[in-house]
Amino acid sequence: MKKILLLQSILVFNKITCTHGQQNQMPNSSSISEFLLLAFADMRQLQLLLFWLLLGIYLAALLGNGLISTAVACDHRLHTPMDFFLLNLTLLDLGCISTTLPKAMASALWDTRDISYAGCVAQCFFFVFLMSAELYLLTAVSYDRYVATCKPLHYGILLGSRACATMAAAAWGTGVLHALLNTINTFSLPLCQGNVVDQFFCEIPQILRLSCSHSYLREIWAVVAAICLAFGCFVSILFSYVQIFMTVLSMPSEQGRQKALLRRARLVSLPHLAVLSLLISTGTFAYLKPSLISSPSLDPVVAVLYSVVPPAVNPLIYSMRNQELKDVLRKMMSRTCFSSSEMFISLHK
């Protein structure tokens, strides 16, 4: 009897010890106060080089999107539906690139990796919100081009001020709802794999890898829904541009009008589809790729392709083919240079 009691005591002690050891090795989300982001490089010189590169990209994106938003907001000639959507896109691009790059630049400059728990939650929320809203707005832009080319007589009815405001509000609201659901679902999961994020900013796929395996399935439906929505938007945009090309090709070629319209449609649609394909393909790869092919060198490159490149090049794609916008920007730049030269002359008198 004594041997049996002794054996039971030993088994209970071993069980308590193993449970305590597992709790020490697997911290949950309530014990995590900060996350450690991925460092760009180990060499200090390379970190500084990357800082200046990211700073140049960030300033170029701020300048391009800032100039366009200012021109559209201030000039009455740029109050068309397309310009209204362009204004919303520039604001989203400014927010998107400001969500990721400033923290990455600070990490490279000061050689730090930590980000607070609240900061990581905020980064995930704003990134998903801004990228989702931008995808929906890009769908609205393609619809605008479709109506302008295929149904020009109904353009004022289908894309009036109320309709444009409704579509923009729906894009922003849907983005907020999508980001809220994904962020809450992600950070409500118990995190059992530490606090090291293999990315230069906090994003949902990397946080999910820190969760317990049995809890990961709770977020699968949200990821699948996001991918389906993204491909739904892509199919809608592709359909709009196919209809545009078919309409232009079916027009009678009178005095080169068909050729001019076809060239304009190609210049607008092909860069649009190229950036959109890059955004969706790299984003889908980041969300759905197996953990076996993840690497500290591959993940940041993929993230740059869908988080930094589109906000930086969108001003060139959606505005440089707009002759009125180019004229307004040219006048703004000449006016600024003229006022600066007058101020310089007055200071030296």
Protein backbone atom coordinates (compact mmCIF):
# COMPACT_ATOMS: atom_id res chain seq x y z
CA MET A 1 0.00 0.00 0.00
CA LYS A 2 2.85 2.36 0.84
CA LYS A 3 4.51 1.59 -2.50
CA ILE A 4 1.29 2.43 -4.36
CA LEU A 5 0.90 5.75 -2.49
CA LEU A 6 4.55 6.60 -3.16
CA LEU A 7 4.17 5.83 -6.86
CA GLN A 8 1.04 8.02 -7.11
CA SER A 9 2.85 10.90 -5.39
CA ILE A 10 5.73 10.66 -7.84
CA LEU A 11 3.35 10.68 -10.83
CA VAL A 12 1.48 13.73 -9.51
CA PHE A 13 4.77 15.57 -8.89
CA ASN A 14 6.02 14.80 -12.42
CA LYS A 15 2.75 16.01 -13.91
CA ILE A 16 2.89 19.29 -11.97
CA THR A 17 6.54 19.78 -12.96
CA CYS A 18 5.86 19.14 -16.65
CA THR A 19 2.88 21.51 -16.67
CA HIS A 20 4.90 24.23 -14.98
CA GLY A 21 7.74 23.76 -17.49
CA GLN A 22 5.35 24.01 -20.45
CA GLN A 23 3.88 27.20 -19.07
CA ASN A 24 7.37 28.69 -18.76
CA GLN A 25 8.31 27.68 -22.30
CA MET A 26 5.05 28.76 -23.95
CA PRO A 27 4.08 32.29 -22.91
CA ASN A 28 0.55 33.33 -23.78
CA SER A 29 -0.53 36.65 -25.22
CA SER A 30 -1.31 38.09 -21.77
CA SER A 31 2.37 37.82 -20.78
CA ILE A 32 3.68 39.50 -23.98
CA SER A 33 4.28 43.23 -23.61
CA GLU A 34 6.27 43.74 -26.82
CA PHE A 35 7.27 42.06 -30.06
CA LEU A 36 10.66 41.85 -31.73
CA LEU A 37 10.67 42.77 -35.42
CA LEU A 38 13.01 41.44 -38.07
CA ALA A 39 16.23 43.37 -38.50
CA PHE A 40 17.05 44.36 -42.07
CA ALA A 41 20.74 43.57 -41.73
CA ASP A 42 23.38 42.73 -39.15
CA MET A 43 26.02 45.13 -40.46
CA ARG A 44 25.67 48.69 -39.19
CA GLN A 45 26.74 50.24 -42.51
CA LEU A 46 24.11 48.24 -44.38
CA GLN A 47 21.45 49.29 -41.89
CA LEU A 48 22.27 52.95 -42.47
CA LEU A 49 22.24 52.43 -46.23
CA LEU A 50 18.79 50.85 -46.01
CA PHE A 51 17.62 53.73 -43.84
CA TRP A 52 18.55 56.29 -46.49
CA LEU A 53 16.96 54.14 -49.21
CA LEU A 54 13.70 53.82 -47.28
CA LEU A 55 13.78 57.53 -46.46
CA GLY A 56 14.09 58.40 -50.16
CA ILE A 57 11.18 56.11 -51.07
CA TYR A 58 9.06 57.51 -48.25
CA LEU A 59 9.73 61.15 -49.16
CA ALA A 60 9.00 60.45 -52.84
CA ALA A 61 5.68 58.81 -51.92
CA LEU A 62 4.79 61.69 -49.59
CA LEU A 63 5.66 64.27 -52.24
CA GLY A 64 3.78 62.55 -55.07
CA ASN A 65 0.63 61.73 -53.13
CA GLY A 66 0.70 65.06 -51.28
CA LEU A 67 0.93 67.11 -54.47
CA ILE A 68 -1.90 65.20 -56.11
CA SER A 69 -4.21 65.43 -53.10
CA THR A 70 -3.52 69.16 -52.78
CA ALA A 71 -4.14 69.78 -56.48
CA VAL A 72 -7.41 67.82 -56.52
CA ALA A 73 -8.68 69.46 -53.33
CA CYS A 74 -7.80 73.04 -54.35
CA ASP A 75 -8.51 73.24 -58.09
CA HIS A 76 -12.16 73.30 -59.21
CA ARG A 77 -11.27 71.76 -62.60
CA LEU A 78 -10.31 68.52 -60.83
CA HIS A 79 -13.66 67.82 -59.20
CA THR A 80 -14.70 64.99 -61.54
CA PRO A 81 -15.61 61.51 -60.20
CA MET A 82 -12.26 60.13 -61.33
CA ASP A 83 -10.39 62.88 -59.50
CA PHE A 84 -12.52 62.29 -56.40
CA PHE A 85 -11.52 58.62 -56.36
CA LEU A 86 -7.93 59.65 -57.03
CA LEU A 87 -8.01 61.92 -53.96
CA ASN A 88 -9.21 59.03 -51.80
CA LEU A 89 -6.51 56.76 -53.23
CA THR A 90 -3.74 59.24 -52.45
CA LEU A 91 -4.96 59.58 -48.86
CA LEU A 92 -5.01 55.80 -48.48
CA ASP A 93 -1.53 55.50 -50.01
CA LEU A 94 -0.19 58.14 -47.62
CA GLY A 95 -1.65 56.27 -44.66
CA CYS A 96 -0.50 52.87 -45.88
CA ILE A 97 3.14 53.77 -46.41
CA SER A 98 3.17 55.81 -43.18
CA THR A 99 2.01 52.74 -41.25
CA THR A 100 5.05 50.60 -42.10
CA LEU A 101 8.05 52.67 -43.23
CA PRO A 102 8.56 55.13 -40.32
CA LYS A 103 8.95 52.31 -37.80
CA ALA A 104 11.21 50.39 -40.19
CA MET A 105 13.39 53.50 -40.71
CA ALA A 106 13.61 54.10 -36.97
CA SER A 107 14.62 50.48 -36.40
CA ALA A 108 17.34 50.71 -39.06
CA LEU A 109 18.62 54.07 -37.80
CA TRP A 110 18.68 53.30 -34.08
CA ASP A 111 19.40 49.56 -34.42
CA THR A 112 16.31 48.55 -32.44
CA ARG A 113 13.83 45.74 -32.99
CA ASP A 114 11.18 46.08 -30.30
CA ILE A 115 7.62 47.32 -30.80
CA SER A 116 5.00 47.52 -28.07
CA TYR A 117 2.01 45.20 -28.00
CA ALA A 118 -0.37 48.12 -28.60
CA GLY A 119 1.84 49.40 -31.44
CA CYS A 120 1.79 45.99 -33.10
CA VAL A 121 -2.01 45.81 -32.84
CA ALA A 122 -2.29 49.32 -34.33
CA GLN A 123 0.03 48.44 -37.22
CA CYS A 124 -1.97 45.34 -38.08
CA PHE A 125 -5.28 47.18 -37.89
CA PHE A 126 -4.29 50.21 -39.98
CA PHE A 127 -2.41 48.17 -42.57
CA VAL A 128 -5.35 45.81 -43.20
CA PHE A 129 -7.81 48.71 -43.13
CA LEU A 130 -5.91 50.87 -45.63
CA MET A 131 -5.01 48.06 -48.02
CA SER A 132 -8.58 46.69 -48.04
CA ALA A 133 -10.09 50.13 -48.64
CA GLU A 134 -7.59 50.79 -51.43
CA LEU A 135 -8.53 47.54 -53.16
CA TYR A 136 -12.21 48.45 -53.07
CA LEU A 137 -11.45 51.95 -54.35
CA LEU A 138 -9.42 50.53 -57.23
CA THR A 139 -12.51 48.56 -58.16
CA ALA A 140 -14.50 51.81 -58.13
CA VAL A 141 -11.87 53.44 -60.39
CA SER A 142 -12.20 50.64 -62.94
CA TYR A 143 -16.00 51.03 -62.82
CA ASP A 144 -15.58 54.76 -63.48
CA ARG A 145 -13.46 54.03 -66.55
CA TYR A 146 -15.97 51.40 -67.71
CA VAL A 147 -18.92 53.79 -67.49
CA ALA A 148 -16.97 56.64 -69.11
CA THR A 149 -16.05 54.46 -72.11
CA CYS A 150 -18.93 52.04 -72.49
CA LYS A 151 -21.88 54.14 -71.23
CA PRO A 152 -20.87 57.78 -71.67
CA LEU A 153 -24.46 59.02 -71.97
CA HIS A 154 -25.28 57.62 -68.52
CA TYR A 155 -22.06 58.80 -66.85
CA GLY A 156 -23.66 61.70 -65.01
CA ILE A 157 -26.46 59.48 -63.69
CA LEU A 158 -24.43 56.42 -62.70
CA LEU A 159 -21.55 58.42 -61.23
CA GLY A 160 -23.15 61.45 -59.68
CA SER A 161 -21.83 63.10 -56.55
CA ARG A 162 -24.05 61.00 -54.29
CA ALA A 163 -23.06 57.74 -55.99
CA CYS A 164 -19.34 58.59 -55.76
CA ALA A 165 -19.63 59.52 -52.09
CA THR A 166 -21.52 56.29 -51.38
CA MET A 167 -18.89 54.15 -53.11
CA ALA A 168 -16.03 55.91 -51.30
CA ALA A 169 -17.78 55.63 -47.94
CA ALA A 170 -18.49 51.95 -48.59
CA ALA A 171 -14.80 51.34 -49.38
CA TRP A 172 -13.61 53.07 -46.21
CA GLY A 173 -16.30 51.47 -44.04
CA THR A 174 -15.73 47.98 -45.42
CA GLY A 175 -12.00 48.39 -44.86
CA VAL A 176 -12.56 49.36 -41.21
CA LEU A 177 -14.91 46.41 -40.65
CA HIS A 178 -12.54 43.98 -42.35
CA ALA A 179 -9.56 45.22 -40.35
CA LEU A 180 -11.49 45.19 -37.09
CA LEU A 181 -12.63 41.58 -37.51
CA ASN A 182 -9.20 40.32 -38.56
CA THR A 183 -7.32 42.19 -35.84
CA ILE A 184 -9.66 41.10 -33.06
CA ASN A 185 -9.61 37.49 -34.22
CA THR A 186 -5.83 37.46 -34.52
CA PHE A 187 -4.92 39.01 -31.18
CA SER A 188 -7.58 37.04 -29.28
CA LEU A 189 -5.64 33.86 -30.09
CA PRO A 190 -3.23 32.56 -27.44
CA LEU A 191 0.36 33.15 -28.56
CA CYS A 192 2.51 30.17 -27.65
CA GLN A 193 5.51 30.57 -29.96
CA GLY A 194 7.27 33.54 -28.40
CA ASN A 195 7.25 37.17 -29.52
CA VAL A 196 9.68 37.25 -32.48
CA VAL A 197 7.99 38.51 -35.68
CA ASP A 198 9.82 37.50 -38.88
CA GLN A 199 8.92 40.73 -40.66
CA PHE A 200 9.98 44.39 -40.53
CA PHE A 201 6.45 45.38 -39.44
CA CYS A 202 3.58 43.66 -37.66
CA GLU A 203 1.23 41.87 -40.02
CA ILE A 204 -1.42 39.25 -39.43
CA PRO A 205 0.26 36.23 -41.14
CA GLN A 206 3.35 36.63 -38.96
CA ILE A 207 1.31 36.98 -35.76
CA LEU A 208 -0.68 33.87 -36.66
CA ARG A 209 2.53 31.87 -36.74
CA LEU A 210 3.05 32.70 -33.08
CA SER A 211 -0.34 31.31 -32.09
CA CYS A 212 -1.04 27.84 -30.75
CA SER A 213 -1.66 25.23 -33.44
CA HIS A 214 -5.13 24.32 -32.16
CA SER A 215 -6.21 27.99 -32.17
CA TYR A 216 -4.89 28.78 -35.64
CA LEU A 217 -7.99 27.32 -37.30
CA ARG A 218 -10.18 30.07 -35.85
CA GLU A 219 -8.54 32.61 -38.16
CA ILE A 220 -8.50 30.49 -41.31
CA TRP A 221 -12.00 31.57 -42.33
CA ALA A 222 -11.04 35.26 -42.13
CA VAL A 223 -7.91 34.72 -44.25
CA VAL A 224 -9.85 32.73 -46.86
CA ALA A 225 -12.58 35.38 -46.94
CA ALA A 226 -9.97 38.12 -47.46
CA ILE A 227 -8.37 36.23 -50.34
CA CYS A 228 -11.77 35.61 -51.94
CA LEU A 229 -12.66 39.30 -51.68
CA ALA A 230 -9.33 40.30 -53.20
CA PHE A 231 -9.79 37.97 -56.17
CA GLY A 232 -13.39 39.12 -56.51
CA CYS A 233 -12.20 42.71 -56.86
CA PHE A 234 -9.51 41.63 -59.31
CA VAL A 235 -12.02 39.76 -61.48
CA SER A 236 -14.35 42.77 -61.43
CA ILE A 237 -11.54 45.11 -62.47
CA LEU A 238 -10.38 42.72 -65.19
CA PHE A 239 -13.94 42.42 -66.51
CA SER A 240 -14.29 46.22 -66.64
CA TYR A 241 -11.13 46.64 -68.72
CA VAL A 242 -12.04 43.76 -71.03
CA GLN A 243 -15.36 45.49 -71.70
CA ILE A 244 -13.52 48.76 -72.31
CA PHE A 245 -11.23 47.15 -74.90
CA MET A 246 -14.15 45.39 -76.61
CA THR A 247 -16.13 48.64 -76.77
CA VAL A 248 -13.21 50.58 -78.23
CA LEU A 249 -12.45 47.88 -80.80
CA SER A 250 -16.08 47.77 -81.91
CA MET A 251 -16.10 51.52 -82.65
CA PRO A 252 -15.80 52.62 -86.30
CA SER A 253 -12.31 53.90 -87.03
CA GLU A 254 -13.13 57.49 -87.95
CA GLN A 255 -10.17 59.83 -88.33
CA GLY A 256 -8.03 57.82 -85.98
CA ARG A 257 -10.47 58.18 -83.04
CA GLN A 258 -10.52 54.45 -82.39
CA LYS A 259 -6.74 54.30 -82.39
CA ALA A 260 -6.50 57.20 -79.93
CA LEU A 261 -9.08 55.67 -77.58
CA LEU A 262 -7.38 52.29 -77.76
CA ARG A 263 -4.02 53.82 -76.94
CA ARG A 264 -5.52 55.74 -74.02
CA ALA A 265 -7.28 52.63 -72.69
CA ARG A 266 -4.07 50.64 -72.93
CA LEU A 267 -2.03 53.31 -71.15
CA VAL A 268 -4.53 53.45 -68.29
CA SER A 269 -5.44 49.80 -67.90
CA LEU A 270 -2.14 47.94 -68.31
CA PRO A 271 -0.22 49.75 -65.52
CA HIS A 272 -3.34 49.52 -63.34
CA LEU A 273 -3.57 45.75 -63.87
CA ALA A 274 0.18 45.31 -63.41
CA VAL A 275 0.25 46.99 -59.99
CA LEU A 276 -2.97 45.29 -58.93
CA SER A 277 -1.63 41.87 -59.96
CA LEU A 278 1.56 42.55 -58.01
CA LEU A 279 -0.44 43.60 -54.95
CA ILE A 280 -2.80 40.61 -54.96
CA SER A 281 -0.27 37.94 -55.93
CA THR A 282 2.33 38.94 -53.34
CA GLY A 283 -0.31 39.50 -50.65
CA THR A 284 -1.85 36.09 -51.35
CA PHE A 285 1.58 34.48 -51.27
CA ALA A 286 2.32 36.11 -47.90
CA TYR A 287 -0.96 34.90 -46.40
CA LEU A 288 -1.09 31.39 -47.81
CA LYS A 289 2.51 30.27 -48.25
CA PRO A 290 3.61 27.28 -46.16
CA SER A 291 5.87 28.00 -43.22
CA LEU A 292 8.50 25.68 -44.73
CA ILE A 293 9.36 28.17 -47.50
CA SER A 294 9.46 31.21 -45.21
CA SER A 295 12.83 32.81 -44.69
CA PRO A 296 14.15 36.07 -43.19
CA SER A 297 15.41 37.10 -46.63
CA LEU A 298 12.27 36.22 -48.64
CA ASP A 299 9.50 37.57 -46.41
CA PRO A 300 10.70 41.23 -46.31
CA VAL A 301 11.12 41.33 -50.09
CA VAL A 302 7.58 40.04 -50.61
CA ALA A 303 6.26 42.51 -48.03
CA VAL A 304 7.96 45.45 -49.78
CA LEU A 305 6.28 44.44 -53.06
CA TYR A 306 2.77 44.77 -51.65
CA SER A 307 3.22 47.37 -48.89
CA VAL A 308 5.74 49.87 -50.31
CA VAL A 309 5.77 49.62 -54.11
CA PRO A 310 2.04 50.29 -54.83
CA PRO A 311 1.76 53.46 -52.68
CA ALA A 312 4.98 54.76 -54.21
CA VAL A 313 4.10 54.19 -57.88
CA ASN A 314 0.33 54.82 -57.79
CA PRO A 315 0.73 58.61 -58.24
CA LEU A 316 2.60 58.01 -61.49
CA ILE A 317 0.05 55.51 -62.80
CA TYR A 318 -3.20 57.26 -61.95
CA SER A 319 -2.23 60.88 -62.48
CA MET A 320 0.47 61.21 -65.10
CA ARG A 321 -2.00 60.15 -67.81
CA ASN A 322 -4.34 62.94 -66.69
CA GLN A 323 -3.46 66.01 -68.72
CA GLU A 324 -5.51 68.43 -66.62
CA LEU A 325 -3.87 67.20 -63.44
CA LYS A 326 -0.42 67.59 -65.00
CA ASP A 327 -1.26 71.15 -66.00
CA VAL A 328 -2.44 71.97 -62.47
CA LEU A 329 0.68 70.42 -60.92
CA ARG A 330 2.90 72.32 -63.33
CA LYS A 331 1.21 75.61 -62.38
CA MET A 332 1.52 74.79 -58.69
CA MET A 333 5.24 74.06 -59.04
CA SER A 334 5.91 77.19 -61.09
CA ARG A 335 3.93 79.31 -58.61
CA THR A 336 5.88 77.84 -55.70
CA CYS A 337 9.21 78.44 -57.40
CA PHE A 338 8.20 82.01 -58.28
CA SER A 339 7.12 82.82 -54.72
CA SER A 340 10.32 81.29 -53.35
CA SER A 341 12.46 83.36 -55.68
CA GLU A 342 10.56 86.54 -54.72
CA MET A 343 11.11 85.78 -51.04
CA PHE A 344 14.80 85.15 -51.67
CA ILE A 345 15.15 88.45 -53.53
CA SER A 346 13.28 90.39 -50.84
CA LEU A 347 15.52 88.96 -48.12
CA HIS A 348 18.67 90.09 -49.92
CA LYS A 349 17.54 93.63 -50.63
